[in-house]
Amino acid sequence: MKELLVKEFEFRVFTESYDRIYKCLSMLNDQQIWQSPNDTIPPIGNLLLHLSGNAQQWVLASFGDRVDNRKRDEEFIRQTKIKKADLLFLLEHLKVNLKATLSEVSNEQLHSEMIIQGFTVTGFSAIIHVIEHFSYHTGQITTLTKWLTNKDTAFYGGIDLNQLNQFRNLN
């Protein structure tokens, strides 16, 4: 079970979300990552700080030996001096730490209950939360990129998405 969950995490977060986030960042300059249409929509830079803080709290501090010192509200303060290259480094550093931590997660931890942000969840649920969280905010980053550039991200360029389902046993 653990191996399947970690494999799915790596695909959904590191392949799908990271690739899409990197594509979006490649379309933007340092100024654009701190722009948003209004004060209620966080800019891309803040969404990346928020994704990092969330994954650190929900995975690294919950399963690893790290202290939970997250200051969530600070993730939404515009940090216009932080450059795109710094955010890319943050994501890569996060990826290395997540991979290391997830490789050490035990089946017992997946079934154990923990309290994160005041919510009682299992370890399994905490990992699923981070997958969902990345997906949700990757969609926001994509929408903001399209708004800022007036360009399509072409995530599925060259792929026919109108194919019918074909079920097969993967064993």
N, C-alpha and C. Protein backbone atom coordinates (compact mmCIF):
# COMPACT_ATOMS: atom_id res chain seq x y z
N MET A 1 0.83 -1.20 0.00
CA MET A 1 0.00 0.00 0.00
C MET A 1 0.87 1.26 0.00
N LYS A 2 1.89 1.28 0.85
CA LYS A 2 2.75 2.46 0.94
C LYS A 2 3.40 2.77 -0.40
N GLU A 3 3.92 1.74 -1.06
CA GLU A 3 4.61 1.95 -2.32
C GLU A 3 3.69 2.55 -3.36
N LEU A 4 2.45 2.08 -3.42
CA LEU A 4 1.47 2.60 -4.37
C LEU A 4 1.14 4.06 -4.06
N LEU A 5 0.96 4.38 -2.79
CA LEU A 5 0.65 5.75 -2.38
C LEU A 5 1.80 6.70 -2.70
N VAL A 6 3.02 6.29 -2.40
CA VAL A 6 4.18 7.14 -2.68
C VAL A 6 4.35 7.32 -4.18
N LYS A 7 4.15 6.26 -4.94
CA LYS A 7 4.25 6.35 -6.40
C LYS A 7 3.21 7.33 -6.95
N GLU A 8 2.00 7.25 -6.44
CA GLU A 8 0.93 8.16 -6.89
C GLU A 8 1.24 9.60 -6.47
N PHE A 9 1.74 9.79 -5.27
CA PHE A 9 2.14 11.12 -4.80
C PHE A 9 3.18 11.71 -5.76
N GLU A 10 4.20 10.91 -6.05
CA GLU A 10 5.27 11.41 -6.92
C GLU A 10 4.75 11.76 -8.31
N PHE A 11 3.83 10.94 -8.84
CA PHE A 11 3.27 11.24 -10.15
C PHE A 11 2.41 12.50 -10.10
N ARG A 12 1.47 12.56 -9.17
CA ARG A 12 0.52 13.69 -9.12
C ARG A 12 1.21 15.00 -8.75
N VAL A 13 2.15 14.95 -7.82
CA VAL A 13 2.80 16.19 -7.36
C VAL A 13 4.01 16.51 -8.22
N PHE A 14 4.97 15.59 -8.32
CA PHE A 14 6.24 15.91 -8.97
C PHE A 14 6.16 15.88 -10.49
N THR A 15 5.30 15.04 -11.05
CA THR A 15 5.18 15.02 -12.51
C THR A 15 4.10 15.99 -12.98
N GLU A 16 2.87 15.78 -12.53
CA GLU A 16 1.79 16.65 -13.01
C GLU A 16 1.93 18.08 -12.50
N SER A 17 1.84 18.28 -11.20
CA SER A 17 1.82 19.65 -10.67
C SER A 17 3.13 20.38 -10.92
N TYR A 18 4.25 19.78 -10.57
CA TYR A 18 5.54 20.46 -10.75
C TYR A 18 5.75 20.83 -12.22
N ASP A 19 5.50 19.90 -13.14
CA ASP A 19 5.69 20.20 -14.56
C ASP A 19 4.82 21.38 -15.00
N ARG A 20 3.59 21.41 -14.54
CA ARG A 20 2.69 22.50 -14.91
C ARG A 20 3.13 23.82 -14.28
N ILE A 21 3.54 23.76 -13.02
CA ILE A 21 4.03 24.96 -12.35
C ILE A 21 5.28 25.49 -13.06
N TYR A 22 6.20 24.60 -13.39
CA TYR A 22 7.42 25.03 -14.09
C TYR A 22 7.09 25.63 -15.46
N LYS A 23 6.14 25.03 -16.17
CA LYS A 23 5.72 25.58 -17.46
C LYS A 23 5.17 26.98 -17.27
N CYS A 24 4.33 27.16 -16.27
CA CYS A 24 3.77 28.49 -15.99
C CYS A 24 4.88 29.48 -15.64
N LEU A 25 5.79 29.08 -14.77
CA LEU A 25 6.88 29.99 -14.39
C LEU A 25 7.75 30.35 -15.59
N SER A 26 7.91 29.43 -16.52
CA SER A 26 8.71 29.73 -17.71
C SER A 26 8.05 30.79 -18.59
N MET A 27 6.77 30.98 -18.44
CA MET A 27 6.03 31.96 -19.24
C MET A 27 5.98 33.33 -18.57
N LEU A 28 6.49 33.43 -17.34
CA LEU A 28 6.34 34.66 -16.55
C LEU A 28 7.70 35.25 -16.18
N ASN A 29 7.68 36.56 -15.90
CA ASN A 29 8.90 37.20 -15.39
C ASN A 29 8.76 37.40 -13.88
N ASP A 30 9.81 37.90 -13.26
CA ASP A 30 9.82 38.07 -11.80
C ASP A 30 8.70 38.98 -11.31
N GLN A 31 8.37 40.00 -12.06
CA GLN A 31 7.31 40.93 -11.65
C GLN A 31 5.94 40.26 -11.72
N GLN A 32 5.70 39.49 -12.76
CA GLN A 32 4.39 38.87 -12.96
C GLN A 32 4.04 37.87 -11.87
N ILE A 33 5.03 37.20 -11.29
CA ILE A 33 4.69 36.19 -10.27
C ILE A 33 4.12 36.81 -9.00
N TRP A 34 4.22 38.14 -8.88
CA TRP A 34 3.68 38.82 -7.70
C TRP A 34 2.45 39.67 -8.04
N GLN A 35 1.87 39.47 -9.23
CA GLN A 35 0.67 40.20 -9.63
C GLN A 35 -0.56 39.32 -9.46
N SER A 36 -1.69 39.97 -9.19
CA SER A 36 -2.96 39.26 -9.16
C SER A 36 -4.06 40.25 -9.51
N PRO A 37 -5.22 39.76 -9.91
CA PRO A 37 -6.30 40.65 -10.34
C PRO A 37 -6.87 41.52 -9.22
N ASN A 38 -6.77 41.03 -7.97
CA ASN A 38 -7.29 41.82 -6.84
C ASN A 38 -6.69 41.30 -5.53
N ASP A 39 -7.04 41.95 -4.44
CA ASP A 39 -6.44 41.61 -3.14
C ASP A 39 -6.93 40.29 -2.54
N THR A 40 -7.99 39.71 -3.09
CA THR A 40 -8.49 38.44 -2.54
C THR A 40 -7.90 37.22 -3.23
N ILE A 41 -7.18 37.44 -4.33
CA ILE A 41 -6.56 36.33 -5.06
C ILE A 41 -5.05 36.42 -4.87
N PRO A 42 -4.46 35.43 -4.20
CA PRO A 42 -3.01 35.50 -3.98
C PRO A 42 -2.24 35.36 -5.29
N PRO A 43 -1.15 36.10 -5.43
CA PRO A 43 -0.31 35.94 -6.62
C PRO A 43 0.41 34.59 -6.61
N ILE A 44 0.95 34.22 -7.75
CA ILE A 44 1.62 32.93 -7.92
C ILE A 44 2.74 32.76 -6.90
N GLY A 45 3.52 33.80 -6.66
CA GLY A 45 4.61 33.71 -5.68
C GLY A 45 4.11 33.28 -4.32
N ASN A 46 3.00 33.86 -3.88
CA ASN A 46 2.44 33.49 -2.59
C ASN A 46 1.87 32.07 -2.61
N LEU A 47 1.28 31.67 -3.73
CA LEU A 47 0.76 30.30 -3.82
C LEU A 47 1.89 29.28 -3.70
N LEU A 48 3.05 29.60 -4.26
CA LEU A 48 4.20 28.69 -4.15
C LEU A 48 4.74 28.65 -2.72
N LEU A 49 4.79 29.79 -2.05
CA LEU A 49 5.19 29.80 -0.64
C LEU A 49 4.20 28.99 0.19
N HIS A 50 2.93 29.14 -0.13
CA HIS A 50 1.86 28.42 0.58
C HIS A 50 1.95 26.91 0.34
N LEU A 51 2.18 26.49 -0.90
CA LEU A 51 2.32 25.06 -1.18
C LEU A 51 3.49 24.47 -0.40
N SER A 52 4.58 25.20 -0.35
CA SER A 52 5.75 24.73 0.39
C SER A 52 5.45 24.62 1.88
N GLY A 53 4.84 25.64 2.45
CA GLY A 53 4.50 25.62 3.87
C GLY A 53 3.56 24.49 4.22
N ASN A 54 2.57 24.27 3.36
CA ASN A 54 1.60 23.21 3.59
C ASN A 54 2.25 21.83 3.54
N ALA A 55 3.06 21.58 2.53
CA ALA A 55 3.72 20.28 2.40
C ALA A 55 4.71 20.05 3.54
N GLN A 56 5.38 21.11 3.95
CA GLN A 56 6.30 20.96 5.09
C GLN A 56 5.55 20.56 6.35
N GLN A 57 4.40 21.21 6.57
CA GLN A 57 3.64 20.91 7.78
C GLN A 57 2.99 19.53 7.71
N TRP A 58 2.33 19.22 6.59
CA TRP A 58 1.53 18.01 6.49
C TRP A 58 2.35 16.75 6.25
N VAL A 59 3.54 16.88 5.67
CA VAL A 59 4.36 15.69 5.42
C VAL A 59 5.66 15.75 6.20
N LEU A 60 6.46 16.77 5.98
CA LEU A 60 7.80 16.79 6.59
C LEU A 60 7.74 16.82 8.11
N ALA A 61 6.88 17.67 8.68
CA ALA A 61 6.79 17.75 10.14
C ALA A 61 5.98 16.59 10.72
N SER A 62 5.03 16.07 9.96
CA SER A 62 4.18 15.00 10.47
C SER A 62 4.84 13.63 10.41
N PHE A 63 5.68 13.40 9.41
CA PHE A 63 6.32 12.10 9.25
C PHE A 63 7.81 12.13 9.51
N GLY A 64 8.41 13.29 9.33
CA GLY A 64 9.86 13.40 9.51
C GLY A 64 10.20 13.89 10.90
N ASP A 65 11.45 14.22 11.10
CA ASP A 65 11.91 14.71 12.40
C ASP A 65 11.97 16.23 12.45
N ARG A 66 11.16 16.87 11.65
CA ARG A 66 11.19 18.33 11.59
C ARG A 66 10.17 18.94 12.54
N VAL A 67 10.51 20.09 13.07
CA VAL A 67 9.59 20.83 13.94
C VAL A 67 8.58 21.54 13.06
N ASP A 68 7.34 21.57 13.49
CA ASP A 68 6.30 22.30 12.77
C ASP A 68 6.38 23.76 13.19
N ASN A 69 7.08 24.55 12.41
CA ASN A 69 7.22 25.98 12.72
C ASN A 69 6.56 26.84 11.65
N ARG A 70 5.55 26.29 11.01
CA ARG A 70 4.87 27.00 9.93
C ARG A 70 4.17 28.25 10.45
N LYS A 71 4.30 29.33 9.69
CA LYS A 71 3.58 30.58 9.95
C LYS A 71 2.72 30.85 8.71
N ARG A 72 1.58 30.20 8.66
CA ARG A 72 0.73 30.18 7.48
C ARG A 72 0.38 31.57 6.98
N ASP A 73 0.01 32.47 7.86
CA ASP A 73 -0.40 33.81 7.44
C ASP A 73 0.71 34.55 6.68
N GLU A 74 1.96 34.27 7.03
CA GLU A 74 3.09 34.92 6.37
C GLU A 74 3.25 34.45 4.93
N GLU A 75 2.72 33.28 4.60
CA GLU A 75 2.80 32.77 3.23
C GLU A 75 2.01 33.64 2.25
N PHE A 76 1.12 34.48 2.78
CA PHE A 76 0.26 35.30 1.93
C PHE A 76 0.65 36.78 1.92
N ILE A 77 1.79 37.10 2.52
CA ILE A 77 2.32 38.46 2.45
C ILE A 77 3.18 38.54 1.19
N ARG A 78 2.91 39.52 0.35
CA ARG A 78 3.67 39.63 -0.90
C ARG A 78 5.14 39.87 -0.61
N GLN A 79 5.96 39.03 -1.20
CA GLN A 79 7.42 39.08 -1.01
C GLN A 79 8.06 39.40 -2.36
N THR A 80 7.83 40.59 -2.86
CA THR A 80 8.24 40.94 -4.23
C THR A 80 9.76 40.89 -4.45
N LYS A 81 10.53 40.81 -3.39
CA LYS A 81 11.99 40.69 -3.55
C LYS A 81 12.41 39.25 -3.82
N ILE A 82 11.50 38.31 -3.60
CA ILE A 82 11.80 36.91 -3.92
C ILE A 82 11.65 36.74 -5.43
N LYS A 83 12.69 36.24 -6.05
CA LYS A 83 12.73 36.06 -7.50
C LYS A 83 12.22 34.67 -7.90
N LYS A 84 11.89 34.55 -9.15
CA LYS A 84 11.43 33.28 -9.69
C LYS A 84 12.46 32.18 -9.44
N ALA A 85 13.73 32.49 -9.63
CA ALA A 85 14.79 31.49 -9.40
C ALA A 85 14.78 31.00 -7.95
N ASP A 86 14.50 31.89 -7.01
CA ASP A 86 14.43 31.50 -5.60
C ASP A 86 13.26 30.54 -5.36
N LEU A 87 12.14 30.80 -6.01
CA LEU A 87 10.97 29.93 -5.85
C LEU A 87 11.22 28.57 -6.49
N LEU A 88 11.92 28.55 -7.62
CA LEU A 88 12.28 27.27 -8.23
C LEU A 88 13.20 26.47 -7.32
N PHE A 89 14.15 27.15 -6.68
CA PHE A 89 15.03 26.48 -5.72
C PHE A 89 14.22 25.93 -4.55
N LEU A 90 13.27 26.71 -4.05
CA LEU A 90 12.40 26.28 -2.95
C LEU A 90 11.65 25.01 -3.33
N LEU A 91 11.09 24.97 -4.53
CA LEU A 91 10.35 23.79 -4.99
C LEU A 91 11.26 22.57 -5.11
N GLU A 92 12.46 22.76 -5.63
CA GLU A 92 13.38 21.63 -5.78
C GLU A 92 13.85 21.12 -4.41
N HIS A 93 14.11 22.03 -3.50
CA HIS A 93 14.50 21.66 -2.14
C HIS A 93 13.36 20.89 -1.45
N LEU A 94 12.15 21.38 -1.63
CA LEU A 94 10.97 20.71 -1.08
C LEU A 94 10.85 19.29 -1.66
N LYS A 95 11.05 19.16 -2.95
CA LYS A 95 10.95 17.86 -3.62
C LYS A 95 11.94 16.86 -3.03
N VAL A 96 13.17 17.26 -2.85
CA VAL A 96 14.19 16.38 -2.28
C VAL A 96 13.78 15.93 -0.88
N ASN A 97 13.31 16.86 -0.06
CA ASN A 97 12.91 16.53 1.30
C ASN A 97 11.66 15.66 1.35
N LEU A 98 10.70 15.94 0.47
CA LEU A 98 9.49 15.12 0.43
C LEU A 98 9.82 13.69 0.02
N LYS A 99 10.65 13.54 -1.01
CA LYS A 99 11.02 12.19 -1.46
C LYS A 99 11.71 11.42 -0.34
N ALA A 100 12.64 12.06 0.35
CA ALA A 100 13.36 11.40 1.44
C ALA A 100 12.42 11.01 2.56
N THR A 101 11.52 11.90 2.94
CA THR A 101 10.58 11.63 4.03
C THR A 101 9.60 10.54 3.65
N LEU A 102 9.03 10.62 2.45
CA LEU A 102 8.05 9.61 2.03
C LEU A 102 8.68 8.23 1.89
N SER A 103 9.95 8.16 1.55
CA SER A 103 10.60 6.86 1.44
C SER A 103 10.73 6.17 2.79
N GLU A 104 10.68 6.94 3.87
CA GLU A 104 10.83 6.40 5.22
C GLU A 104 9.49 6.17 5.94
N VAL A 105 8.38 6.60 5.34
CA VAL A 105 7.07 6.44 5.99
C VAL A 105 6.76 4.96 6.14
N SER A 106 6.28 4.60 7.32
CA SER A 106 5.92 3.20 7.58
C SER A 106 4.42 2.99 7.37
N ASN A 107 4.05 1.74 7.18
CA ASN A 107 2.62 1.42 7.08
C ASN A 107 1.90 1.79 8.37
N GLU A 108 2.57 1.64 9.49
CA GLU A 108 1.98 2.02 10.77
C GLU A 108 1.65 3.52 10.79
N GLN A 109 2.56 4.33 10.29
CA GLN A 109 2.31 5.78 10.25
C GLN A 109 1.12 6.12 9.35
N LEU A 110 0.97 5.38 8.27
CA LEU A 110 -0.15 5.63 7.36
C LEU A 110 -1.49 5.39 8.04
N HIS A 111 -1.53 4.45 8.98
CA HIS A 111 -2.78 4.11 9.68
C HIS A 111 -2.95 4.89 10.97
N SER A 112 -1.90 5.50 11.47
CA SER A 112 -1.98 6.24 12.74
C SER A 112 -2.69 7.58 12.56
N GLU A 113 -3.32 8.01 13.64
CA GLU A 113 -3.96 9.32 13.63
C GLU A 113 -2.98 10.38 14.11
N MET A 114 -3.13 11.57 13.55
CA MET A 114 -2.33 12.72 13.95
C MET A 114 -3.21 13.96 13.85
N ILE A 115 -2.78 14.99 14.53
CA ILE A 115 -3.51 16.26 14.46
C ILE A 115 -2.64 17.26 13.71
N ILE A 116 -3.18 17.77 12.60
CA ILE A 116 -2.48 18.76 11.78
C ILE A 116 -3.43 19.92 11.56
N GLN A 117 -2.99 21.11 11.89
CA GLN A 117 -3.80 22.33 11.77
C GLN A 117 -5.14 22.18 12.51
N GLY A 118 -5.17 21.39 13.55
CA GLY A 118 -6.39 21.20 14.31
C GLY A 118 -7.29 20.09 13.79
N PHE A 119 -6.91 19.46 12.67
CA PHE A 119 -7.71 18.38 12.10
C PHE A 119 -7.11 17.03 12.50
N THR A 120 -7.96 16.10 12.90
CA THR A 120 -7.51 14.74 13.20
C THR A 120 -7.61 13.94 11.91
N VAL A 121 -6.46 13.46 11.44
CA VAL A 121 -6.39 12.73 10.18
C VAL A 121 -5.46 11.52 10.35
N THR A 122 -5.59 10.58 9.44
CA THR A 122 -4.62 9.49 9.40
C THR A 122 -3.42 9.96 8.56
N GLY A 123 -2.32 9.23 8.68
CA GLY A 123 -1.17 9.53 7.85
C GLY A 123 -1.51 9.42 6.37
N PHE A 124 -2.30 8.42 6.02
CA PHE A 124 -2.76 8.25 4.64
C PHE A 124 -3.49 9.50 4.16
N SER A 125 -4.40 9.98 4.98
CA SER A 125 -5.19 11.16 4.64
C SER A 125 -4.32 12.40 4.51
N ALA A 126 -3.29 12.51 5.34
CA ALA A 126 -2.38 13.67 5.26
C ALA A 126 -1.67 13.71 3.92
N ILE A 127 -1.26 12.56 3.43
CA ILE A 127 -0.57 12.51 2.14
C ILE A 127 -1.53 12.82 1.01
N ILE A 128 -2.74 12.29 1.08
CA ILE A 128 -3.75 12.60 0.06
C ILE A 128 -4.06 14.10 0.08
N HIS A 129 -4.12 14.69 1.26
CA HIS A 129 -4.37 16.13 1.37
C HIS A 129 -3.34 16.93 0.57
N VAL A 130 -2.07 16.57 0.68
CA VAL A 130 -1.03 17.33 -0.01
C VAL A 130 -1.17 17.15 -1.53
N ILE A 131 -1.53 15.95 -1.98
CA ILE A 131 -1.77 15.74 -3.41
C ILE A 131 -2.89 16.66 -3.89
N GLU A 132 -4.00 16.66 -3.17
CA GLU A 132 -5.15 17.51 -3.54
C GLU A 132 -4.78 18.99 -3.49
N HIS A 133 -4.05 19.36 -2.47
CA HIS A 133 -3.67 20.75 -2.27
C HIS A 133 -2.80 21.25 -3.42
N PHE A 134 -1.85 20.42 -3.84
CA PHE A 134 -1.02 20.79 -4.98
C PHE A 134 -1.86 20.94 -6.24
N SER A 135 -2.77 20.00 -6.46
CA SER A 135 -3.61 20.05 -7.65
C SER A 135 -4.46 21.32 -7.67
N TYR A 136 -5.07 21.62 -6.55
CA TYR A 136 -5.94 22.80 -6.44
C TYR A 136 -5.18 24.08 -6.77
N HIS A 137 -4.04 24.27 -6.13
CA HIS A 137 -3.29 25.51 -6.34
C HIS A 137 -2.56 25.54 -7.68
N THR A 138 -2.24 24.37 -8.23
CA THR A 138 -1.67 24.34 -9.58
C THR A 138 -2.70 24.87 -10.57
N GLY A 139 -3.96 24.55 -10.37
CA GLY A 139 -5.02 25.11 -11.21
C GLY A 139 -5.09 26.62 -11.10
N GLN A 140 -4.95 27.14 -9.88
CA GLN A 140 -4.96 28.59 -9.70
C GLN A 140 -3.75 29.23 -10.39
N ILE A 141 -2.59 28.61 -10.25
CA ILE A 141 -1.37 29.12 -10.88
C ILE A 141 -1.55 29.14 -12.40
N THR A 142 -2.17 28.10 -12.94
CA THR A 142 -2.43 28.03 -14.38
C THR A 142 -3.37 29.15 -14.81
N THR A 143 -4.43 29.35 -14.09
CA THR A 143 -5.39 30.41 -14.43
C THR A 143 -4.72 31.78 -14.36
N LEU A 144 -3.94 32.03 -13.32
CA LEU A 144 -3.25 33.31 -13.21
C LEU A 144 -2.25 33.49 -14.35
N THR A 145 -1.56 32.43 -14.73
CA THR A 145 -0.61 32.52 -15.84
C THR A 145 -1.33 32.88 -17.14
N LYS A 146 -2.46 32.25 -17.39
CA LYS A 146 -3.24 32.56 -18.59
C LYS A 146 -3.74 34.00 -18.55
N TRP A 147 -4.13 34.46 -17.38
CA TRP A 147 -4.59 35.83 -17.22
C TRP A 147 -3.45 36.82 -17.47
N LEU A 148 -2.29 36.53 -16.93
CA LEU A 148 -1.13 37.43 -17.05
C LEU A 148 -0.54 37.46 -18.46
N THR A 149 -0.59 36.35 -19.16
CA THR A 149 0.08 36.25 -20.46
C THR A 149 -0.86 36.26 -21.65
N ASN A 150 -2.13 35.99 -21.40
CA ASN A 150 -3.12 35.83 -22.46
C ASN A 150 -2.68 34.73 -23.45
N LYS A 151 -2.05 33.67 -22.89
CA LYS A 151 -1.58 32.55 -23.70
C LYS A 151 -2.06 31.24 -23.09
N ASP A 152 -2.23 30.24 -23.95
CA ASP A 152 -2.56 28.90 -23.50
C ASP A 152 -1.30 28.22 -22.99
N THR A 153 -1.44 27.43 -21.97
CA THR A 153 -0.28 26.71 -21.43
C THR A 153 0.04 25.45 -22.23
N ALA A 154 -0.90 24.97 -23.01
CA ALA A 154 -0.72 23.79 -23.87
C ALA A 154 -0.20 22.59 -23.09
N PHE A 155 -0.74 22.38 -21.90
CA PHE A 155 -0.32 21.22 -21.11
C PHE A 155 -0.55 19.91 -21.85
N TYR A 156 -1.61 19.86 -22.66
CA TYR A 156 -1.95 18.63 -23.36
C TYR A 156 -1.69 18.74 -24.86
N GLY A 157 -0.80 19.63 -25.25
CA GLY A 157 -0.47 19.80 -26.66
C GLY A 157 -0.04 18.49 -27.28
N GLY A 158 -0.67 18.13 -28.41
CA GLY A 158 -0.30 16.90 -29.10
C GLY A 158 -0.95 15.64 -28.56
N ILE A 159 -1.78 15.75 -27.54
CA ILE A 159 -2.45 14.57 -26.98
C ILE A 159 -3.94 14.66 -27.31
N ASP A 160 -4.50 13.59 -27.86
CA ASP A 160 -5.92 13.52 -28.15
C ASP A 160 -6.66 13.14 -26.86
N LEU A 161 -7.34 14.11 -26.27
CA LEU A 161 -8.05 13.87 -25.01
C LEU A 161 -9.48 13.35 -25.22
N ASN A 162 -9.84 13.08 -26.47
CA ASN A 162 -11.18 12.58 -26.77
C ASN A 162 -11.23 11.08 -26.95
N GLN A 163 -10.18 10.39 -26.52
CA GLN A 163 -10.16 8.93 -26.62
C GLN A 163 -11.08 8.32 -25.58
N LEU A 164 -11.68 7.19 -25.93
CA LEU A 164 -12.56 6.49 -25.00
C LEU A 164 -11.73 5.68 -24.02
N ASN A 165 -12.31 5.42 -22.84
CA ASN A 165 -11.64 4.62 -21.82
C ASN A 165 -11.41 3.20 -22.29
N GLN A 166 -10.26 2.66 -21.90
CA GLN A 166 -9.94 1.26 -22.15
C GLN A 166 -9.39 0.71 -20.84
N PHE A 167 -10.09 -0.25 -20.26
CA PHE A 167 -9.69 -0.81 -18.98
C PHE A 167 -8.81 -2.02 -19.20
N ARG A 168 -7.76 -2.10 -18.40
CA ARG A 168 -6.88 -3.25 -18.48
C ARG A 168 -6.27 -3.50 -17.11
N ASN A 169 -5.89 -4.70 -16.88
CA ASN A 169 -5.25 -5.07 -15.61
C ASN A 169 -3.77 -4.70 -15.71
N LEU A 170 -3.29 -3.91 -14.75
CA LEU A 170 -1.90 -3.46 -14.79
C LEU A 170 -0.93 -4.43 -14.13
N ASN A 171 -1.43 -5.55 -13.63
CA ASN A 171 -0.54 -6.52 -12.96
C ASN A 171 0.24 -7.35 -13.94
